[in-house]
């Protein structure tokens, strides 16, 4: 069957969509859309050449559900970062209405490639600290080949456009709000959607939202568990970072940050003597390198440490009072941020949980550990710093959201880090 014969059926099947007012008289795509599509035109032509011109969106026994799903997706694509999406949707509908299903098919393929590549961009302000967590940027031909291989085009479009469960819920609430209020999207909505747009290709990953101080465990596109976390203060913000958890550390040391040694530990030693260090399980080392040596704290000039004239490393031995608790989950990043247990469980009862120095404290580190490791993160030995590799590395995405889909309703929370005012992705230096 030639594609021209499908034009009438395709038009009838797509009539369920109400054409936007701008679509009826749209002669050609605007120059911005043409330029955007130009970068994928050659790849689209190659794709169709290999198919000997066979259609993708209008060629499956008259099934146009994939085209319908894609057009609906493009209509809201400005929320996804593809500003030309609504125009492309209107142009595809116009082409079908005029009986040109072949051109509409190619236009939808170009639009789908641009849309997917838009979703695969790194969120603004997010640092990719490890390659395993980097977005997988697919070339146009691969995007179209995956669509062609899908059992259901409509299901494939829905699955890819969902991005991740947090993003999908927020976008749906934003879309419903936009439909009911009209006008343009709130800039805060666009900033939040951009920050939530982490598109992992792995089946299991962790998402942390510093805005709501929550963590989600995601598996096979579903949130399987969640918990409260404690995140950085506005003065020591938890940064946006994409990285990978490779191991758990049982009985961890707490390596006290250098500025806290100067501003907190040092003054207390000056006031209370070196007995303070012993009573709190602290050890003193000559520095931060692998060749650092253990020091006798009584021989350290602590007043010089407080004044910044002398630098020592202080770490806390594992134990009930250790600030890291029983386990920590580190991941590559330049600011030494990690997830960790904590003995101060009472802090999770507070609604305001932005009180740390940048690291992320876990409400239930044991539960997360069981999910990551497939077993309880415990050991029979008291030896410090026992590293246990995960069966499979798990990406972790730390973002910052001030918008939420509360029961399907779009709501906003306080912008404690001030990132909405700074354009969505600005990050203040944190530890």
Protein backbone atom coordinates (compact mmCIF):
# COMPACT_ATOMS: atom_id res chain seq x y z
CA UNK A 1 0.00 0.00 0.00
CA UNK A 2 1.42 3.39 -0.92
CA UNK A 3 1.50 6.07 1.70
CA UNK A 4 -0.72 8.35 -0.37
CA UNK A 5 -3.56 5.88 0.09
CA UNK A 6 -3.29 6.35 3.85
CA UNK A 7 -3.80 10.09 3.75
CA UNK A 8 -7.57 10.00 4.01
CA UNK A 9 -7.58 7.42 6.79
CA UNK A 10 -4.84 9.25 8.66
CA UNK A 11 -6.73 12.51 8.42
CA UNK A 12 -9.89 10.89 9.76
CA UNK A 13 -8.02 9.20 12.59
CA UNK A 14 -6.32 12.43 13.61
CA UNK A 15 -9.50 14.52 13.54
CA UNK A 16 -9.89 13.73 17.23
CA UNK A 17 -7.36 16.50 17.75
CA UNK A 18 -8.78 20.00 17.61
CA UNK A 19 -6.55 21.97 15.28
CA UNK A 20 -5.02 25.06 16.95
CA UNK A 21 -6.14 28.33 15.39
CA UNK A 22 -2.63 28.93 14.09
CA UNK A 23 -2.50 25.59 12.28
CA UNK A 24 -5.16 26.23 9.63
CA UNK A 25 -3.30 29.04 7.90
CA UNK A 26 0.25 27.92 8.60
CA UNK A 27 2.03 27.92 5.21
CA UNK A 28 5.44 26.81 6.36
CA UNK A 29 7.36 26.23 9.55
CA UNK A 30 9.01 29.40 10.95
CA UNK A 31 12.67 29.95 10.19
CA UNK A 32 13.67 28.96 13.76
CA UNK A 33 11.92 25.62 13.36
CA UNK A 34 13.43 25.09 9.92
CA UNK A 35 16.92 25.78 11.29
CA UNK A 36 16.35 23.44 14.22
CA UNK A 37 15.11 20.68 11.96
CA UNK A 38 17.89 21.25 9.45
CA UNK A 39 20.47 19.57 11.68
CA UNK A 40 18.54 16.27 11.57
CA UNK A 41 17.26 16.39 7.98
CA UNK A 42 20.14 14.38 6.53
CA UNK A 43 19.84 11.67 9.18
CA UNK A 44 16.07 11.46 8.61
CA UNK A 45 16.65 11.14 4.87
CA UNK A 46 19.15 8.33 5.51
CA UNK A 47 16.65 6.57 7.77
CA UNK A 48 13.91 6.65 5.13
CA UNK A 49 16.33 5.66 2.37
CA UNK A 50 17.16 2.46 4.27
CA UNK A 51 13.42 1.83 4.61
CA UNK A 52 12.91 2.46 0.88
CA UNK A 53 10.59 5.31 1.82
CA UNK A 54 8.33 3.19 4.05
CA UNK A 55 6.47 5.39 6.54
CA UNK A 56 7.04 5.15 10.28
CA UNK A 57 4.11 6.98 11.86
CA UNK A 58 1.39 6.26 9.27
CA UNK A 59 2.43 2.84 8.03
CA UNK A 60 1.32 0.18 10.48
CA UNK A 61 -1.90 -1.20 9.03
CA UNK A 62 -3.60 2.13 9.36
CA UNK A 63 -2.63 2.49 13.05
CA UNK A 64 -1.93 6.17 13.70
CA UNK A 65 -1.95 5.95 17.52
CA UNK A 66 1.79 6.66 17.55
CA UNK A 67 1.28 9.81 15.49
CA UNK A 68 -1.57 10.90 17.75
CA UNK A 69 0.57 10.35 20.84
CA UNK A 70 3.51 12.24 19.35
CA UNK A 71 1.39 15.19 18.25
CA UNK A 72 -0.08 15.42 21.76
CA UNK A 73 3.46 15.26 23.17
CA UNK A 74 4.69 18.00 20.84
CA UNK A 75 1.81 20.28 21.85
CA UNK A 76 3.17 20.46 25.39
CA UNK A 77 6.84 20.20 24.35
CA UNK A 78 7.59 23.82 25.27
CA UNK A 79 7.45 22.56 28.86
CA UNK A 80 10.10 19.99 27.89
CA UNK A 81 12.43 22.63 26.46
CA UNK A 82 11.48 22.25 22.77
CA UNK A 83 9.89 25.62 22.05
CA UNK A 84 9.07 24.66 18.45
CA UNK A 85 7.04 21.62 19.53
CA UNK A 86 3.55 23.17 19.29
CA UNK A 87 4.36 24.63 15.86
CA UNK A 88 5.60 21.26 14.61
CA UNK A 89 2.45 19.57 15.91
CA UNK A 90 0.26 22.09 14.09
CA UNK A 91 2.23 21.72 10.87
CA UNK A 92 1.94 17.92 10.95
CA UNK A 93 -1.83 18.18 11.39
CA UNK A 94 -2.05 20.63 8.49
CA UNK A 95 -0.10 18.30 6.23
CA UNK A 96 -2.36 15.37 7.07
CA UNK A 97 -5.46 17.51 6.53
CA UNK A 98 -4.13 18.38 3.06
CA UNK A 99 -3.55 14.70 2.25
CA UNK A 100 0.25 14.81 2.44
CA UNK A 101 0.83 11.96 4.90
CA UNK A 102 4.30 11.21 3.45
CA UNK A 103 5.64 14.67 4.35
CA UNK A 104 3.82 14.55 7.69
CA UNK A 105 5.53 11.25 8.45
CA UNK A 106 8.98 12.71 7.82
CA UNK A 107 8.16 15.85 9.75
CA UNK A 108 7.09 13.80 12.76
CA UNK A 109 10.30 11.78 12.56
CA UNK A 110 12.37 14.98 12.57
CA UNK A 111 10.29 16.38 15.41
CA UNK A 112 10.64 13.16 17.43
CA UNK A 113 14.42 13.17 17.02
CA UNK A 114 14.67 16.82 18.11
CA UNK A 115 12.35 16.17 21.04
CA UNK A 116 14.31 13.17 22.32
CA UNK A 117 17.62 14.99 21.95
CA UNK A 118 16.18 17.90 23.91
CA UNK A 119 15.22 15.56 26.74
CA UNK A 120 18.72 14.09 26.75
CA UNK A 121 20.45 17.40 27.46
CA UNK A 122 22.13 17.80 30.82
CA UNK A 123 19.92 19.80 33.23
CA UNK A 124 21.08 23.39 33.68
CA UNK A 125 23.41 23.78 36.64
CA UNK A 126 23.95 20.04 37.08
CA UNK A 127 27.54 18.82 37.05
CA UNK A 128 28.14 15.44 35.43
CA UNK A 129 30.74 14.04 37.81
CA UNK A 130 30.85 10.48 36.48
CA UNK A 131 30.44 9.12 32.97
CA UNK A 132 28.14 6.26 34.01
CA UNK A 133 25.54 8.85 35.04
CA UNK A 134 25.90 11.04 31.96
CA UNK A 135 22.85 11.38 29.70
CA UNK A 136 23.11 9.05 26.71
CA UNK A 137 22.86 11.41 23.76
CA UNK A 138 21.46 9.37 20.87
CA UNK A 139 22.01 10.28 17.23
CA UNK A 140 18.93 10.83 15.10
CA UNK A 141 19.11 7.54 13.20
CA UNK A 142 19.35 5.54 16.44
CA UNK A 143 16.35 7.39 17.88
CA UNK A 144 14.29 6.53 14.80
CA UNK A 145 15.52 2.95 14.67
CA UNK A 146 14.42 2.44 18.27
CA UNK A 147 11.01 3.86 17.43
CA UNK A 148 10.72 1.59 14.39
CA UNK A 149 11.62 -1.46 16.50
CA UNK A 150 9.06 -0.68 19.21
CA UNK A 151 6.10 -3.04 19.47
CA UNK A 152 3.85 -0.04 20.01
CA UNK A 153 4.84 3.41 18.81
CA UNK A 154 2.35 5.07 21.15
CA UNK A 155 3.73 3.21 24.16
CA UNK A 156 7.29 4.01 23.07
CA UNK A 157 6.52 7.73 22.82
CA UNK A 158 4.88 7.70 26.27
CA UNK A 159 7.78 5.79 27.81
CA UNK A 160 10.54 8.01 26.41
CA UNK A 161 8.70 11.27 27.08
CA UNK A 162 8.11 10.30 30.72
CA UNK A 163 11.86 10.90 31.38
CA UNK A 164 11.61 9.88 35.05
CA UNK A 165 8.67 9.54 37.49
CA UNK A 166 9.33 12.80 39.33
CA UNK A 167 9.60 14.74 36.08
CA UNK A 168 6.49 13.11 34.56
CA UNK A 169 4.31 13.99 37.57
CA UNK A 170 5.58 17.57 37.71
CA UNK A 171 5.11 18.13 33.97
CA UNK A 172 1.57 16.71 34.04
CA UNK A 173 0.64 19.03 36.91
CA UNK A 174 2.23 21.96 35.06
CA UNK A 175 0.35 21.07 31.86
CA UNK A 176 -2.99 20.79 33.63
CA UNK A 177 -2.36 24.11 35.34
CA UNK A 178 -1.47 25.71 32.01
CA UNK A 179 -4.61 24.31 30.38
CA UNK A 180 -6.82 25.71 33.14
CA UNK A 181 -5.18 29.12 33.46
CA UNK A 182 -4.03 29.81 29.89
CA UNK A 183 -1.18 32.17 29.14
CA UNK A 184 2.49 31.26 29.39
CA UNK A 185 4.15 28.84 31.80
CA UNK A 186 5.43 30.29 35.06
CA UNK A 187 9.23 30.71 34.71
CA UNK A 188 9.59 28.81 37.97
CA UNK A 189 7.85 25.83 36.37
CA UNK A 190 10.25 25.83 33.42
CA UNK A 191 13.25 26.15 35.76
CA UNK A 192 12.05 23.25 37.89
CA UNK A 193 11.28 21.03 34.91
CA UNK A 194 14.74 21.72 33.57
CA UNK A 195 16.31 20.77 36.91
CA UNK A 196 14.21 17.59 37.11
CA UNK A 197 15.05 16.51 33.55
CA UNK A 198 17.61 13.82 34.35
CA UNK A 199 17.14 10.98 31.86
CA UNK A 200 19.06 7.90 33.02
CA UNK A 201 19.32 4.90 30.75
CA UNK A 202 19.81 2.48 33.65
CA UNK A 203 16.92 0.58 35.24
CA UNK A 204 17.84 1.53 38.82
CA UNK A 205 18.91 4.91 40.15
CA UNK A 206 18.63 7.26 43.10
CA UNK A 207 17.21 10.78 42.90
CA UNK A 208 17.73 13.32 45.68
CA UNK A 209 15.85 16.61 45.80
CA UNK A 210 17.52 19.21 48.01
CA UNK A 211 14.46 21.46 47.67
CA UNK A 212 12.05 19.08 49.42
CA UNK A 213 14.82 17.20 51.28
CA UNK A 214 13.66 13.83 49.96
CA UNK A 215 15.27 10.83 48.28
CA UNK A 216 13.64 8.42 45.84
CA UNK A 217 14.72 4.94 44.79
CA UNK A 218 13.62 4.32 41.21
CA UNK A 219 13.49 0.96 39.50
CA UNK A 220 12.03 0.11 36.09
CA UNK A 221 10.50 3.60 35.78
CA UNK A 222 8.71 3.33 39.15
CA UNK A 223 9.40 4.89 42.53
CA UNK A 224 9.84 1.83 44.73
CA UNK A 225 10.77 3.62 47.96
CA UNK A 226 11.54 7.06 49.36
CA UNK A 227 12.75 8.70 52.53
CA UNK A 228 13.50 12.03 54.13
CA UNK A 229 17.01 13.44 53.93
CA UNK A 230 18.85 16.35 55.47
CA UNK A 231 20.62 18.66 53.02
CA UNK A 232 22.88 21.68 53.04
CA UNK A 233 22.11 25.02 54.62
CA UNK A 234 21.57 28.00 52.29
CA UNK A 235 25.14 29.04 53.15
CA UNK A 236 26.54 25.56 52.36
CA UNK A 237 24.20 24.35 49.63
CA UNK A 238 24.01 20.79 48.40
CA UNK A 239 25.05 21.07 44.74
CA UNK A 240 23.28 19.60 41.72
CA UNK A 241 25.35 16.67 40.55
CA UNK A 242 24.98 13.47 38.54
CA UNK A 243 27.30 10.68 39.60
CA UNK A 244 27.44 6.98 40.45
CA UNK A 245 27.44 5.02 43.69
CA UNK A 246 29.96 2.21 43.34
CA UNK A 247 30.33 1.09 46.94
CA UNK A 248 29.15 1.32 50.52
CA UNK A 249 31.58 2.11 53.31
CA UNK A 250 30.81 0.36 56.59
CA UNK A 251 32.11 1.73 59.90
CA UNK A 252 33.23 4.94 58.17
CA UNK A 253 35.48 7.60 59.59
CA UNK A 254 34.12 11.11 59.63
CA UNK A 255 36.76 13.29 58.02
CA UNK A 256 36.07 16.69 59.52
CA UNK A 257 36.13 19.44 56.83
CA UNK A 258 39.17 21.68 57.12
CA UNK A 259 37.25 24.85 57.89
CA UNK A 260 35.37 23.04 60.69
CA UNK A 261 38.68 21.92 62.18
CA UNK A 262 39.64 25.60 62.34
CA UNK A 263 36.28 27.05 63.40
CA UNK A 264 34.81 24.27 65.58
CA UNK A 265 37.28 21.58 66.69
CA UNK A 266 40.24 23.88 67.27
CA UNK A 267 38.45 26.38 69.56
CA UNK A 268 36.99 23.54 71.65
CA UNK A 269 40.42 21.98 72.10
CA UNK A 270 41.78 25.39 73.12
CA UNK A 271 38.96 25.77 75.67
CA UNK A 272 38.69 22.18 76.95
CA UNK A 273 42.09 20.66 76.26
CA UNK A 274 42.99 17.59 74.21
CA UNK A 275 40.66 15.50 76.37
CA UNK A 276 37.88 16.87 74.18
CA UNK A 277 39.32 14.96 71.22
CA UNK A 278 39.56 11.68 73.13
CA UNK A 279 36.04 11.92 74.57
CA UNK A 280 34.59 12.46 71.08
CA UNK A 281 36.67 9.80 69.33
CA UNK A 282 38.76 12.18 67.22
CA UNK A 283 42.17 11.38 65.76
CA UNK A 284 44.65 13.94 64.45
CA UNK A 285 46.74 13.43 61.32
CA UNK A 286 49.51 15.47 59.75
CA UNK A 287 47.57 16.18 56.57
CA UNK A 288 45.15 14.94 53.93
CA UNK A 289 47.52 12.99 51.69
CA UNK A 290 48.06 9.23 51.59
CA UNK A 291 51.38 9.73 53.41
CA UNK A 292 49.77 11.53 56.39
CA UNK A 293 50.94 10.38 59.82
CA UNK A 294 49.07 10.12 63.11
CA UNK A 295 49.94 13.00 65.45
CA UNK A 296 50.03 13.37 69.21
CA UNK A 297 47.33 16.04 69.72
CA UNK A 298 49.11 17.40 72.78
CA UNK A 299 51.99 18.44 70.53
CA UNK A 300 49.81 20.38 68.08
CA UNK A 301 49.68 24.19 68.40
CA UNK A 302 45.90 24.45 68.46
CA UNK A 303 45.93 28.23 68.69
CA UNK A 304 47.87 28.24 65.42
CA UNK A 305 45.23 25.89 63.94
CA UNK A 306 42.46 28.29 64.98
CA UNK A 307 44.40 31.22 63.51
CA UNK A 308 44.96 29.32 60.25
CA UNK A 309 48.75 29.26 60.60
CA UNK A 310 48.84 25.48 60.96
CA UNK A 311 46.78 22.80 59.19
CA UNK A 312 45.99 19.36 60.55
CA UNK A 313 43.44 16.74 59.59
CA UNK A 314 40.92 15.55 62.17
CA UNK A 315 38.81 12.43 61.75
CA UNK A 316 36.30 10.75 64.02
CA UNK A 317 36.58 7.03 64.66
CA UNK A 318 33.57 4.79 63.99
CA UNK A 319 31.16 4.46 66.88
CA UNK A 320 27.74 5.47 68.22
CA UNK A 321 28.61 9.19 68.17
CA UNK A 322 30.23 9.20 64.73
CA UNK A 323 28.55 11.79 62.50
CA UNK A 324 28.57 9.33 59.58
CA UNK A 325 26.62 6.70 61.51
CA UNK A 326 27.17 3.10 60.44
CA UNK A 327 27.44 3.49 56.68
CA UNK A 328 28.07 6.02 53.94
CA UNK A 329 27.61 5.92 50.19
CA UNK A 330 30.17 8.04 48.39
CA UNK A 331 30.16 8.95 44.71
CA UNK A 332 32.66 10.82 42.54
CA UNK A 333 32.28 14.61 42.75
CA UNK A 334 34.61 17.54 43.20
CA UNK A 335 32.94 18.84 46.37
CA UNK A 336 33.16 15.64 48.41
CA UNK A 337 29.38 15.30 48.81
CA UNK A 338 28.04 11.90 49.83
CA UNK A 339 25.05 10.13 51.34
CA UNK A 340 25.46 8.94 54.91
CA UNK A 341 23.83 7.61 58.03
CA UNK A 342 23.50 9.83 61.11
CA UNK A 343 22.98 9.29 64.83
CA UNK A 344 20.77 12.41 65.07
CA UNK A 345 17.48 10.90 63.92
CA UNK A 346 15.42 13.54 65.73
CA UNK A 347 16.25 16.10 63.04
CA UNK A 348 14.09 14.25 60.52
CA UNK A 349 10.96 15.24 62.44
CA UNK A 350 11.47 18.84 61.32
CA UNK A 351 9.88 20.23 58.17
CA UNK A 352 13.00 22.34 57.59
CA UNK A 353 15.82 19.91 56.92
CA UNK A 354 18.39 22.15 55.24
CA UNK A 355 20.86 22.13 58.14
CA UNK A 356 23.95 20.21 56.94
CA UNK A 357 27.27 21.40 55.58
CA UNK A 358 26.32 20.13 52.13
CA UNK A 359 26.33 16.34 52.52
CA UNK A 360 23.11 14.34 52.52
CA UNK A 361 22.04 12.57 55.73
CA UNK A 362 19.70 9.62 55.36
CA UNK A 363 16.59 8.95 57.39
CA UNK A 364 17.12 5.19 56.99
CA UNK A 365 20.56 4.36 55.64
CA UNK A 366 20.03 0.66 56.33
CA UNK A 367 16.98 0.58 54.05
CA UNK A 368 18.80 2.32 51.23
CA UNK A 369 21.75 0.01 51.76
CA UNK A 370 19.58 -3.09 51.41
CA UNK A 371 18.21 -1.75 48.13
CA UNK A 372 21.64 -0.87 46.78
CA UNK A 373 23.50 -3.97 47.97
CA UNK A 374 20.77 -6.59 47.93
CA UNK A 375 21.61 -7.37 51.57
CA UNK A 376 21.85 -5.62 54.92
CA UNK A 377 24.80 -3.17 55.01
CA UNK A 378 26.27 -4.67 58.20
CA UNK A 379 29.54 -6.29 59.24
CA UNK A 380 30.70 -8.51 62.09
CA UNK A 381 34.00 -6.67 62.30
CA UNK A 382 34.64 -3.35 64.02
CA UNK A 383 37.42 -2.44 61.58
CA UNK A 384 36.93 1.07 60.16
CA UNK A 385 36.35 1.94 56.52
CA UNK A 386 35.21 -1.42 55.15
CA UNK A 387 34.37 -0.91 51.47
CA UNK A 388 31.71 -3.15 49.92
CA UNK A 389 31.17 -2.95 46.15
CA UNK A 390 27.60 -2.76 44.87
CA UNK A 391 26.59 -5.71 42.65
CA UNK A 392 25.91 -3.12 39.92
CA UNK A 393 26.82 0.58 40.05
CA UNK A 394 23.79 2.80 40.69
CA UNK A 395 23.56 6.37 39.32
CA UNK A 396 22.59 9.15 41.71
CA UNK A 397 21.07 12.45 40.62
CA UNK A 398 21.02 15.31 43.10
CA UNK A 399 18.73 18.13 41.99
CA UNK A 400 16.84 21.06 43.52
CA UNK A 401 13.08 21.50 43.10
CA UNK A 402 10.81 24.24 44.40
CA UNK A 403 7.75 23.02 42.47
CA UNK A 404 5.77 19.91 43.28
CA UNK A 405 2.84 17.86 41.95
CA UNK A 406 0.78 17.60 45.13
CA UNK A 407 -1.96 15.12 44.28
CA UNK A 408 -1.77 16.28 40.68
CA UNK A 409 -1.95 19.95 41.68
CA UNK A 410 0.96 22.28 40.98
CA UNK A 411 2.36 23.81 44.17
CA UNK A 412 5.47 25.77 45.09
CA UNK A 413 7.71 25.78 48.14
CA UNK A 414 10.18 28.38 49.41
CA UNK A 415 13.26 28.85 47.25
CA UNK A 416 15.73 28.46 50.13
CA UNK A 417 18.77 28.37 47.84
CA UNK A 418 17.65 31.29 45.67
CA UNK A 419 18.18 29.35 42.45
CA UNK A 420 14.85 30.33 40.90
CA UNK A 421 15.90 33.97 41.15
CA UNK A 422 19.28 33.16 39.63
CA UNK A 423 17.88 31.50 36.54
CA UNK A 424 17.25 27.96 37.72
CA UNK A 425 20.66 26.35 37.67
CA UNK A 426 22.97 28.63 39.62
CA UNK A 427 24.89 26.83 42.31
CA UNK A 428 26.61 28.46 45.25
CA UNK A 429 29.87 26.78 46.18
CA UNK A 430 29.15 24.02 48.67
CA UNK A 431 30.90 21.22 50.47
